[in-house]
Amino acid sequence: MSESVHPRADDLGRLSTGELLAVMQAEDRAAVEAVREHLDRVAEAVDAIAARLRAGGHLHYFGAGTSGRLAALDAAECAPTFGLEPGVVVAHDAGDGEAEDDRRRGAEEARAAGLREGDAVVGISASGRTGYVLAAVAEARAAGSLVVGLSCAPGSSLGAAADIAVEVETGPEVIAGSTRLKAGTVQKVVLNMLSTGVFTRLGHTYRGRMVDVVASNEKLRARAAGIVADLTGAPGADVRRALAESGGSAKLAVLMLRSGLAAGEARSRLFSAGGDLAAALGEVAQ
């Protein structure tokens, strides 16, 4: 467990800086590798969450402390990366201190979120016993939402309360109890997998490209143009024209250039394909 003392704890102060960092890097590597044996559960969670979002549901994260901040980071990155409407992914972060134990707040925030049967909830707690998270998860279960529990504590209360439990044992932290280290790294890795897996399954990427990227600045406009050029082989002038006519949508511009459709026709085809570019291009059955 993360609160146990690391086997090399008594030596850490005597190590050189390089040696200390080597210990940390080895511990991180082992922790990330431990995720491998849980990939089937992560995949189950991805497919279950994607099914609910495909039907119009929303994804909610509940966490506190480091777990809450990691949840907030992942949620914040989803909209610009995958071109999501506001509210598709929402993080509820209790913060630090006594708020982590505040079951009443967890229940109230879960109820205020308007959770329903078609939603998915991911409760995140390194220890698997954070009161705020457990109360929120209980409300989610009562509302009929799918509940995924992400922790670093096999057999935890969070895992027991979840429909799908992802419990990755990371072992003692280099600094005992500091779950921002290995536990935090593993939670970030799994959250990356969950959100990227879900929105890949939902057609927000195409051949490993961010075709739904929100081109909100010069760097991202250049990225969108590069994606369109890469996927179509079209000359720069045609890429720029398609992006202008598509309102900056790389996905729509690719469809226009690959299919020879005008923007309006391409938009209709993409809508009929549920926003899935591969389906709109006829590469997969709808």
C-alpha atoms as a PDB file:
ATOM      1  CA  MET A   1       0.000   0.000   0.000  1.00  0.00           C
ATOM      2  CA  SER A   2       1.082   3.580  -0.643  1.00  0.00           C
ATOM      3  CA  GLU A   3       1.264   4.406   3.086  1.00  0.00           C
ATOM      4  CA  SER A   4       3.720   1.611   3.807  1.00  0.00           C
ATOM      5  CA  VAL A   5       7.360   2.587   4.178  1.00  0.00           C
ATOM      6  CA  HIS A   6       9.472   2.005   1.089  1.00  0.00           C
ATOM      7  CA  PRO A   7      12.184  -0.680   1.512  1.00  0.00           C
ATOM      8  CA  ARG A   8      14.895   1.873   0.741  1.00  0.00           C
ATOM      9  CA  ALA A   9      13.417   4.684   2.820  1.00  0.00           C
ATOM     10  CA  ASP A  10      16.281   4.800   5.319  1.00  0.00           C
ATOM     11  CA  ASP A  11      18.815   5.109   2.502  1.00  0.00           C
ATOM     12  CA  LEU A  12      17.167   7.853   0.473  1.00  0.00           C
ATOM     13  CA  GLY A  13      18.778  10.748   2.318  1.00  0.00           C
ATOM     14  CA  ARG A  14      22.238   9.291   1.717  1.00  0.00           C
ATOM     15  CA  LEU A  15      21.795   8.740  -2.012  1.00  0.00           C
ATOM     16  CA  SER A  16      23.179  11.129  -4.589  1.00  0.00           C
ATOM     17  CA  THR A  17      20.579  13.109  -6.496  1.00  0.00           C
ATOM     18  CA  GLY A  18      21.075  10.889  -9.522  1.00  0.00           C
ATOM     19  CA  GLU A  19      20.655   7.744  -7.444  1.00  0.00           C
ATOM     20  CA  LEU A  20      17.481   9.099  -5.828  1.00  0.00           C
ATOM     21  CA  LEU A  21      15.999   9.901  -9.207  1.00  0.00           C
ATOM     22  CA  ALA A  22      16.953   6.458 -10.490  1.00  0.00           C
ATOM     23  CA  VAL A  23      15.018   4.861  -7.622  1.00  0.00           C
ATOM     24  CA  MET A  24      12.001   7.024  -8.417  1.00  0.00           C
ATOM     25  CA  GLN A  25      12.162   6.243 -12.125  1.00  0.00           C
ATOM     26  CA  ALA A  26      12.379   2.512 -11.460  1.00  0.00           C
ATOM     27  CA  GLU A  27       9.383   2.690  -9.133  1.00  0.00           C
ATOM     28  CA  ASP A  28       7.354   4.648 -11.700  1.00  0.00           C
ATOM     29  CA  ARG A  29       8.233   2.161 -14.419  1.00  0.00           C
ATOM     30  CA  ALA A  30       7.133  -0.777 -12.279  1.00  0.00           C
ATOM     31  CA  ALA A  31       3.889   0.961 -11.343  1.00  0.00           C
ATOM     32  CA  VAL A  32       2.991   1.744 -14.956  1.00  0.00           C
ATOM     33  CA  GLU A  33       3.823  -1.823 -15.946  1.00  0.00           C
ATOM     34  CA  ALA A  34       1.381  -3.030 -13.280  1.00  0.00           C
ATOM     35  CA  VAL A  35      -1.454  -1.519 -15.314  1.00  0.00           C
ATOM     36  CA  ARG A  36      -0.928  -4.234 -17.937  1.00  0.00           C
ATOM     37  CA  GLU A  37      -2.703  -6.933 -15.936  1.00  0.00           C
ATOM     38  CA  HIS A  38      -5.774  -4.708 -15.593  1.00  0.00           C
ATOM     39  CA  LEU A  39      -6.204  -3.854 -19.276  1.00  0.00           C
ATOM     40  CA  ASP A  40      -9.207  -6.152 -19.616  1.00  0.00           C
ATOM     41  CA  ARG A  41     -11.046  -4.202 -16.925  1.00  0.00           C
ATOM     42  CA  VAL A  42     -10.051  -0.878 -18.432  1.00  0.00           C
ATOM     43  CA  ALA A  43     -11.294  -2.098 -21.820  1.00  0.00           C
ATOM     44  CA  GLU A  44     -14.573  -3.180 -20.240  1.00  0.00           C
ATOM     45  CA  ALA A  45     -14.934   0.295 -18.743  1.00  0.00           C
ATOM     46  CA  VAL A  46     -14.131   2.005 -22.061  1.00  0.00           C
ATOM     47  CA  ASP A  47     -16.763   0.019 -23.925  1.00  0.00           C
ATOM     48  CA  ALA A  48     -19.388   0.498 -21.225  1.00  0.00           C
ATOM     49  CA  ILE A  49     -18.786   4.251 -20.984  1.00  0.00           C
ATOM     50  CA  ALA A  50     -18.747   4.648 -24.770  1.00  0.00           C
ATOM     51  CA  ALA A  51     -22.100   2.870 -25.053  1.00  0.00           C
ATOM     52  CA  ARG A  52     -23.691   5.340 -22.654  1.00  0.00           C
ATOM     53  CA  LEU A  53     -22.183   8.416 -24.270  1.00  0.00           C
ATOM     54  CA  ARG A  54     -23.189   7.149 -27.710  1.00  0.00           C
ATOM     55  CA  ALA A  55     -26.771   7.115 -26.462  1.00  0.00           C
ATOM     56  CA  GLY A  56     -26.521  10.700 -25.188  1.00  0.00           C
ATOM     57  CA  GLY A  57     -25.174  10.182 -21.690  1.00  0.00           C
ATOM     58  CA  HIS A  58     -22.448  12.118 -19.913  1.00  0.00           C
ATOM     59  CA  LEU A  59     -19.224  11.136 -18.183  1.00  0.00           C
ATOM     60  CA  HIS A  60     -18.629  12.389 -14.639  1.00  0.00           C
ATOM     61  CA  TYR A  61     -15.438  12.090 -12.601  1.00  0.00           C
ATOM     62  CA  PHE A  62     -15.489  12.364  -8.814  1.00  0.00           C
ATOM     63  CA  GLY A  63     -12.231  12.704  -6.891  1.00  0.00           C
ATOM     64  CA  ALA A  64     -10.446  14.567  -4.113  1.00  0.00           C
ATOM     65  CA  GLY A  65      -6.873  15.605  -3.441  1.00  0.00           C
ATOM     66  CA  THR A  66      -4.445  14.435  -6.115  1.00  0.00           C
ATOM     67  CA  SER A  67      -7.100  12.158  -7.613  1.00  0.00           C
ATOM     68  CA  GLY A  68      -9.486  15.068  -8.003  1.00  0.00           C
ATOM     69  CA  ARG A  69      -6.870  17.236  -9.681  1.00  0.00           C
ATOM     70  CA  LEU A  70      -5.981  14.455 -12.105  1.00  0.00           C
ATOM     71  CA  ALA A  71      -9.662  14.009 -12.904  1.00  0.00           C
ATOM     72  CA  ALA A  72     -10.041  17.735 -13.509  1.00  0.00           C
ATOM     73  CA  LEU A  73      -7.022  17.719 -15.822  1.00  0.00           C
ATOM     74  CA  ASP A  74      -8.315  14.824 -17.889  1.00  0.00           C
ATOM     75  CA  ALA A  75     -11.787  16.339 -18.189  1.00  0.00           C
ATOM     76  CA  ALA A  76     -10.379  19.725 -19.183  1.00  0.00           C
ATOM     77  CA  GLU A  77      -8.290  18.172 -21.947  1.00  0.00           C
ATOM     78  CA  CYS A  78     -11.159  16.192 -23.491  1.00  0.00           C
ATOM     79  CA  ALA A  79     -13.065  19.104 -25.052  1.00  0.00           C
ATOM     80  CA  PRO A  80     -10.171  20.683 -27.025  1.00  0.00           C
ATOM     81  CA  THR A  81      -8.701  17.304 -27.984  1.00  0.00           C
ATOM     82  CA  PHE A  82     -11.893  15.611 -29.121  1.00  0.00           C
ATOM     83  CA  GLY A  83     -14.085  18.580 -30.035  1.00  0.00           C
ATOM     84  CA  LEU A  84     -16.707  17.862 -27.386  1.00  0.00           C
ATOM     85  CA  GLU A  85     -19.661  20.004 -26.436  1.00  0.00           C
ATOM     86  CA  PRO A  86     -19.527  21.469 -22.906  1.00  0.00           C
ATOM     87  CA  GLY A  87     -20.757  19.077 -20.251  1.00  0.00           C
ATOM     88  CA  VAL A  88     -19.975  15.806 -22.009  1.00  0.00           C
ATOM     89  CA  VAL A  89     -17.151  15.182 -19.532  1.00  0.00           C
ATOM     90  CA  VAL A  90     -17.400  16.851 -16.122  1.00  0.00           C
ATOM     91  CA  ALA A  91     -14.969  16.608 -13.202  1.00  0.00           C
ATOM     92  CA  HIS A  92     -16.101  17.097  -9.614  1.00  0.00           C
ATOM     93  CA  ASP A  93     -13.030  17.832  -7.483  1.00  0.00           C
ATOM     94  CA  ALA A  94     -13.468  18.150  -3.706  1.00  0.00           C
ATOM     95  CA  GLY A  95      -9.994  19.559  -3.135  1.00  0.00           C
ATOM     96  CA  ASP A  96      -7.812  18.761  -0.137  1.00  0.00           C
ATOM     97  CA  GLY A  97      -8.106  18.471   3.619  1.00  0.00           C
ATOM     98  CA  GLU A  98     -11.373  17.691   5.361  1.00  0.00           C
ATOM     99  CA  ALA A  99     -13.263  17.996   2.074  1.00  0.00           C
ATOM    100  CA  GLU A 100     -11.890  14.569   1.156  1.00  0.00           C
ATOM    101  CA  ASP A 101     -13.873  13.034   4.028  1.00  0.00           C
ATOM    102  CA  ASP A 102     -17.035  15.052   3.406  1.00  0.00           C
ATOM    103  CA  ARG A 103     -19.620  12.444   2.505  1.00  0.00           C
ATOM    104  CA  ARG A 104     -22.440  14.957   2.611  1.00  0.00           C
ATOM    105  CA  ARG A 105     -20.700  17.136   0.048  1.00  0.00           C
ATOM    106  CA  GLY A 106     -20.047  14.129  -2.185  1.00  0.00           C
ATOM    107  CA  ALA A 107     -23.706  13.132  -2.090  1.00  0.00           C
ATOM    108  CA  GLU A 108     -24.913  16.693  -2.655  1.00  0.00           C
ATOM    109  CA  GLU A 109     -22.606  17.296  -5.612  1.00  0.00           C
ATOM    110  CA  ALA A 110     -23.614  13.993  -7.174  1.00  0.00           C
ATOM    111  CA  ARG A 111     -27.295  14.885  -6.829  1.00  0.00           C
ATOM    112  CA  ALA A 112     -26.662  18.394  -8.172  1.00  0.00           C
ATOM    113  CA  ALA A 113     -25.005  16.842 -11.239  1.00  0.00           C
ATOM    114  CA  GLY A 114     -28.372  15.384 -12.208  1.00  0.00           C
ATOM    115  CA  LEU A 115     -26.982  11.907 -12.725  1.00  0.00           C
ATOM    116  CA  ARG A 116     -29.229   9.519 -14.606  1.00  0.00           C
ATOM    117  CA  GLU A 117     -29.324   5.970 -15.863  1.00  0.00           C
ATOM    118  CA  GLY A 118     -27.607   6.776 -19.135  1.00  0.00           C
ATOM    119  CA  ASP A 119     -24.595   8.431 -17.514  1.00  0.00           C
ATOM    120  CA  ALA A 120     -21.241   7.000 -16.521  1.00  0.00           C
ATOM    121  CA  VAL A 121     -19.415   7.907 -13.316  1.00  0.00           C
ATOM    122  CA  VAL A 122     -15.745   7.263 -12.555  1.00  0.00           C
ATOM    123  CA  GLY A 123     -14.862   7.464  -8.879  1.00  0.00           C
ATOM    124  CA  ILE A 124     -11.135   8.044  -8.372  1.00  0.00           C
ATOM    125  CA  SER A 125      -9.373   7.454  -5.067  1.00  0.00           C
ATOM    126  CA  ALA A 126      -5.866   6.091  -4.555  1.00  0.00           C
ATOM    127  CA  SER A 127      -6.857   4.528  -1.238  1.00  0.00           C
ATOM    128  CA  GLY A 128     -10.301   3.471  -2.411  1.00  0.00           C
ATOM    129  CA  ARG A 129     -11.830   4.817   0.797  1.00  0.00           C
ATOM    130  CA  THR A 130     -12.214   8.582   0.254  1.00  0.00           C
ATOM    131  CA  GLY A 131     -15.519   9.576   1.845  1.00  0.00           C
ATOM    132  CA  TYR A 132     -16.402  12.244  -0.724  1.00  0.00           C
ATOM    133  CA  VAL A 133     -15.956   9.760  -3.570  1.00  0.00           C
ATOM    134  CA  LEU A 134     -17.789   6.895  -1.863  1.00  0.00           C
ATOM    135  CA  ALA A 135     -20.817   9.077  -1.181  1.00  0.00           C
ATOM    136  CA  ALA A 136     -20.887  10.353  -4.757  1.00  0.00           C
ATOM    137  CA  VAL A 137     -20.634   6.819  -6.092  1.00  0.00           C
ATOM    138  CA  ALA A 138     -23.499   5.701  -3.862  1.00  0.00           C
ATOM    139  CA  GLU A 139     -25.680   8.442  -5.341  1.00  0.00           C
ATOM    140  CA  ALA A 140     -24.630   7.414  -8.825  1.00  0.00           C
ATOM    141  CA  ARG A 141     -25.645   3.827  -8.139  1.00  0.00           C
ATOM    142  CA  ALA A 142     -29.002   4.998  -6.811  1.00  0.00           C
ATOM    143  CA  ALA A 143     -29.528   7.003 -10.019  1.00  0.00           C
ATOM    144  CA  GLY A 144     -28.772   3.937 -12.134  1.00  0.00           C
ATOM    145  CA  SER A 145     -25.553   5.341 -13.619  1.00  0.00           C
ATOM    146  CA  LEU A 146     -22.692   3.079 -14.587  1.00  0.00           C
ATOM    147  CA  VAL A 147     -20.003   3.268 -11.886  1.00  0.00           C
ATOM    148  CA  VAL A 148     -16.310   2.663 -12.540  1.00  0.00           C
ATOM    149  CA  GLY A 149     -13.977   2.658  -9.549  1.00  0.00           C
ATOM    150  CA  LEU A 150     -10.324   3.582 -10.103  1.00  0.00           C
ATOM    151  CA  SER A 151      -8.008   3.001  -7.163  1.00  0.00           C
ATOM    152  CA  CYS A 152      -4.616   1.632  -6.200  1.00  0.00           C
ATOM    153  CA  ALA A 153      -6.043  -0.552  -3.427  1.00  0.00           C
ATOM    154  CA  PRO A 154      -7.268  -4.030  -4.359  1.00  0.00           C
ATOM    155  CA  GLY A 155     -10.350  -5.034  -2.391  1.00  0.00           C
ATOM    156  CA  SER A 156     -11.228  -1.438  -1.553  1.00  0.00           C
ATOM    157  CA  SER A 157     -14.616  -0.020  -0.614  1.00  0.00           C
ATOM    158  CA  LEU A 158     -14.655   1.874  -3.899  1.00  0.00           C
ATOM    159  CA  GLY A 159     -14.051  -1.294  -5.856  1.00  0.00           C
ATOM    160  CA  ALA A 160     -16.841  -3.055  -4.014  1.00  0.00           C
ATOM    161  CA  ALA A 161     -19.250  -0.222  -4.839  1.00  0.00           C
ATOM    162  CA  ALA A 162     -18.372  -0.138  -8.540  1.00  0.00           C
ATOM    163  CA  ASP A 163     -19.835  -1.985 -11.499  1.00  0.00           C
ATOM    164  CA  ILE A 164     -16.325  -2.152 -12.918  1.00  0.00           C
ATOM    165  CA  ALA A 165     -13.334  -1.910 -10.585  1.00  0.00           C
ATOM    166  CA  VAL A 166      -9.861  -1.023 -11.821  1.00  0.00           C
ATOM    167  CA  GLU A 167      -7.582  -1.539  -8.819  1.00  0.00           C
ATOM    168  CA  VAL A 168      -3.890  -1.258  -9.630  1.00  0.00           C
ATOM    169  CA  GLU A 169      -1.559  -2.151  -6.759  1.00  0.00           C
ATOM    170  CA  THR A 170       1.365   0.275  -6.894  1.00  0.00           C
ATOM    171  CA  GLY A 171       3.120  -0.610  -3.622  1.00  0.00           C
ATOM    172  CA  PRO A 172       4.893   1.724  -1.176  1.00  0.00           C
ATOM    173  CA  GLU A 173       5.671   5.215  -2.395  1.00  0.00           C
ATOM    174  CA  VAL A 174       9.233   6.518  -2.253  1.00  0.00           C
ATOM    175  CA  ILE A 175       7.823   9.102   0.163  1.00  0.00           C
ATOM    176  CA  ALA A 176       5.367   7.095   2.260  1.00  0.00           C
ATOM    177  CA  GLY A 177       1.770   8.118   1.674  1.00  0.00           C
ATOM    178  CA  SER A 178       2.530  10.615  -1.093  1.00  0.00           C
ATOM    179  CA  THR A 179       0.039   9.343  -3.624  1.00  0.00           C
ATOM    180  CA  ARG A 180       0.929  12.090  -6.081  1.00  0.00           C
ATOM    181  CA  LEU A 181       3.861   9.823  -6.993  1.00  0.00           C
ATOM    182  CA  LYS A 182       3.327   6.252  -8.256  1.00  0.00           C
ATOM    183  CA  ALA A 183      -0.387   6.183  -7.472  1.00  0.00           C
ATOM    184  CA  GLY A 184      -0.883   9.510  -9.202  1.00  0.00           C
ATOM    185  CA  THR A 185       1.088   8.352 -12.220  1.00  0.00           C
ATOM    186  CA  VAL A 186      -0.983   5.196 -12.538  1.00  0.00           C
ATOM    187  CA  GLN A 187      -4.254   7.069 -12.164  1.00  0.00           C
ATOM    188  CA  LYS A 188      -3.173   9.478 -14.913  1.00  0.00           C
ATOM    189  CA  VAL A 189      -2.230   6.557 -17.158  1.00  0.00           C
ATOM    190  CA  VAL A 190      -5.602   4.874 -16.662  1.00  0.00           C
ATOM    191  CA  LEU A 191      -7.537   8.117 -17.119  1.00  0.00           C
ATOM    192  CA  ASN A 192      -5.629   8.670 -20.371  1.00  0.00           C
ATOM    193  CA  MET A 193      -6.730   5.214 -21.483  1.00  0.00           C
ATOM    194  CA  LEU A 194     -10.343   5.710 -20.463  1.00  0.00           C
ATOM    195  CA  SER A 195     -10.926   9.057 -22.166  1.00  0.00           C
ATOM    196  CA  THR A 196      -8.838   8.321 -25.253  1.00  0.00           C
ATOM    197  CA  GLY A 197     -10.361   4.865 -25.610  1.00  0.00           C
ATOM    198  CA  VAL A 198     -13.908   6.166 -25.217  1.00  0.00           C
ATOM    199  CA  PHE A 199     -13.597   8.983 -27.725  1.00  0.00           C
ATOM    200  CA  THR A 200     -11.709   6.830 -30.198  1.00  0.00           C
ATOM    201  CA  ARG A 201     -14.561   4.325 -30.035  1.00  0.00           C
ATOM    202  CA  LEU A 202     -16.995   7.205 -30.585  1.00  0.00           C
ATOM    203  CA  GLY A 203     -15.235   8.378 -33.760  1.00  0.00           C
ATOM    204  CA  HIS A 204     -13.573  11.510 -32.419  1.00  0.00           C
ATOM    205  CA  THR A 205     -10.250  10.356 -33.841  1.00  0.00           C
ATOM    206  CA  TYR A 206      -9.372   8.891 -37.225  1.00  0.00           C
ATOM    207  CA  ARG A 207      -6.311   6.771 -37.940  1.00  0.00           C
ATOM    208  CA  GLY A 208      -4.660   8.099 -34.808  1.00  0.00           C
ATOM    209  CA  ARG A 209      -5.212  11.743 -35.722  1.00  0.00           C
ATOM    210  CA  MET A 210      -7.056  14.429 -33.746  1.00  0.00           C
ATOM    211  CA  VAL A 211      -9.586  15.116 -36.500  1.00  0.00           C
ATOM    212  CA  ASP A 212     -11.927  16.824 -34.027  1.00  0.00           C
ATOM    213  CA  VAL A 213      -9.224  19.129 -32.677  1.00  0.00           C
ATOM    214  CA  VAL A 214     -10.560  22.567 -31.818  1.00  0.00           C
ATOM    215  CA  ALA A 215      -8.358  24.892 -33.893  1.00  0.00           C
ATOM    216  CA  SER A 216      -8.493  27.794 -31.454  1.00  0.00           C
ATOM    217  CA  ASN A 217      -5.007  29.244 -31.983  1.00  0.00           C
ATOM    218  CA  GLU A 218      -2.281  29.426 -34.604  1.00  0.00           C
ATOM    219  CA  LYS A 219      -0.569  26.253 -33.435  1.00  0.00           C
ATOM    220  CA  LEU A 220      -3.798  24.261 -33.557  1.00  0.00           C
ATOM    221  CA  ARG A 221      -4.857  25.756 -36.900  1.00  0.00           C
ATOM    222  CA  ALA A 222      -1.532  24.578 -38.288  1.00  0.00           C
ATOM    223  CA  ARG A 223      -2.125  21.169 -36.733  1.00  0.00           C
ATOM    224  CA  ALA A 224      -5.563  20.930 -38.327  1.00  0.00           C
ATOM    225  CA  ALA A 225      -4.105  21.849 -41.719  1.00  0.00           C
ATOM    226  CA  GLY A 226      -1.368  19.271 -41.285  1.00  0.00           C
ATOM    227  CA  ILE A 227      -3.901  16.571 -40.410  1.00  0.00           C
ATOM    228  CA  VAL A 228      -5.998  17.352 -43.485  1.00  0.00           C
ATOM    229  CA  ALA A 229      -2.979  17.406 -45.775  1.00  0.00           C
ATOM    230  CA  ASP A 230      -1.663  14.163 -44.294  1.00  0.00           C
ATOM    231  CA  LEU A 231      -4.950  12.300 -44.658  1.00  0.00           C
ATOM    232  CA  THR A 232      -5.836  13.561 -48.127  1.00  0.00           C
ATOM    233  CA  GLY A 233      -2.585  14.349 -49.901  1.00  0.00           C
ATOM    234  CA  ALA A 234      -4.254  17.508 -51.180  1.00  0.00           C
ATOM    235  CA  PRO A 235      -2.246  20.614 -52.107  1.00  0.00           C
ATOM    236  CA  GLY A 236      -2.006  23.386 -49.544  1.00  0.00           C
ATOM    237  CA  ALA A 237      -4.424  25.658 -51.396  1.00  0.00           C
ATOM    238  CA  ASP A 238      -7.107  22.957 -51.440  1.00  0.00           C
ATOM    239  CA  VAL A 239      -6.530  22.225 -47.764  1.00  0.00           C
ATOM    240  CA  ARG A 240      -6.932  25.873 -46.840  1.00  0.00           C
ATOM    241  CA  ARG A 241     -10.074  26.188 -48.950  1.00  0.00           C
ATOM    242  CA  ALA A 242     -11.669  23.084 -47.439  1.00  0.00           C
ATOM    243  CA  LEU A 243     -10.868  24.219 -43.916  1.00  0.00           C
ATOM    244  CA  ALA A 244     -12.332  27.652 -44.603  1.00  0.00           C
ATOM    245  CA  GLU A 245     -15.524  26.161 -46.034  1.00  0.00           C
ATOM    246  CA  SER A 246     -15.791  23.648 -43.181  1.00  0.00           C
ATOM    247  CA  GLY A 247     -15.494  26.322 -40.519  1.00  0.00           C
ATOM    248  CA  GLY A 248     -12.098  24.993 -39.446  1.00  0.00           C
ATOM    249  CA  SER A 249     -13.217  21.388 -38.981  1.00  0.00           C
ATOM    250  CA  ALA A 250     -10.392  19.048 -39.965  1.00  0.00           C
ATOM    251  CA  LYS A 251     -12.780  16.093 -39.973  1.00  0.00           C
ATOM    252  CA  LEU A 252     -15.217  17.767 -42.343  1.00  0.00           C
ATOM    253  CA  ALA A 253     -12.413  19.053 -44.563  1.00  0.00           C
ATOM    254  CA  VAL A 254     -11.012  15.529 -44.911  1.00  0.00           C
ATOM    255  CA  LEU A 255     -14.412  14.181 -45.893  1.00  0.00           C
ATOM    256  CA  MET A 256     -14.900  16.977 -48.429  1.00  0.00           C
ATOM    257  CA  LEU A 257     -11.556  16.396 -50.081  1.00  0.00           C
ATOM    258  CA  ARG A 258     -11.714  12.600 -49.995  1.00  0.00           C
ATOM    259  CA  SER A 259     -15.306  12.365 -51.261  1.00  0.00           C
ATOM    260  CA  GLY A 260     -15.526  15.428 -53.511  1.00  0.00           C
ATOM    261  CA  LEU A 261     -18.531  16.730 -51.591  1.00  0.00           C
ATOM    262  CA  ALA A 262     -19.407  20.334 -50.876  1.00  0.00           C
ATOM    263  CA  ALA A 263     -19.387  21.378 -47.229  1.00  0.00           C
ATOM    264  CA  GLY A 264     -23.147  21.073 -46.736  1.00  0.00           C
ATOM    265  CA  GLU A 265     -23.330  17.613 -48.318  1.00  0.00           C
ATOM    266  CA  ALA A 266     -20.319  16.433 -46.352  1.00  0.00           C
ATOM    267  CA  ARG A 267     -21.807  17.749 -43.134  1.00  0.00           C
ATOM    268  CA  SER A 268     -25.032  15.820 -43.768  1.00  0.00           C
ATOM    269  CA  ARG A 269     -23.161  12.619 -44.523  1.00  0.00           C
ATOM    270  CA  LEU A 270     -21.055  13.005 -41.403  1.00  0.00           C
ATOM    271  CA  PHE A 271     -24.150  13.615 -39.297  1.00  0.00           C
ATOM    272  CA  SER A 272     -25.783  10.471 -40.711  1.00  0.00           C
ATOM    273  CA  ALA A 273     -22.642   8.547 -39.763  1.00  0.00           C
ATOM    274  CA  GLY A 274     -22.872   9.749 -36.175  1.00  0.00           C
ATOM    275  CA  GLY A 275     -19.804  11.934 -36.617  1.00  0.00           C
ATOM    276  CA  ASP A 276     -17.605   8.923 -37.431  1.00  0.00           C
ATOM    277  CA  LEU A 277     -15.310   9.838 -40.321  1.00  0.00           C
ATOM    278  CA  ALA A 278     -14.400   6.230 -41.092  1.00  0.00           C
ATOM    279  CA  ALA A 279     -18.107   5.378 -41.430  1.00  0.00           C
ATOM    280  CA  ALA A 280     -18.802   8.489 -43.516  1.00  0.00           C
ATOM    281  CA  LEU A 281     -16.018   7.416 -45.892  1.00  0.00           C
ATOM    282  CA  GLY A 282     -17.515   3.952 -46.134  1.00  0.00           C
ATOM    283  CA  GLU A 283     -14.568   2.284 -44.441  1.00  0.00           C
ATOM    284  CA  VAL A 284     -16.662   0.664 -41.697  1.00  0.00           C
ATOM    285  CA  ALA A 285     -20.282  -0.448 -41.542  1.00  0.00           C
ATOM    286  CA  GLN A 286     -22.610   2.071 -39.881  1.00  0.00           C
END
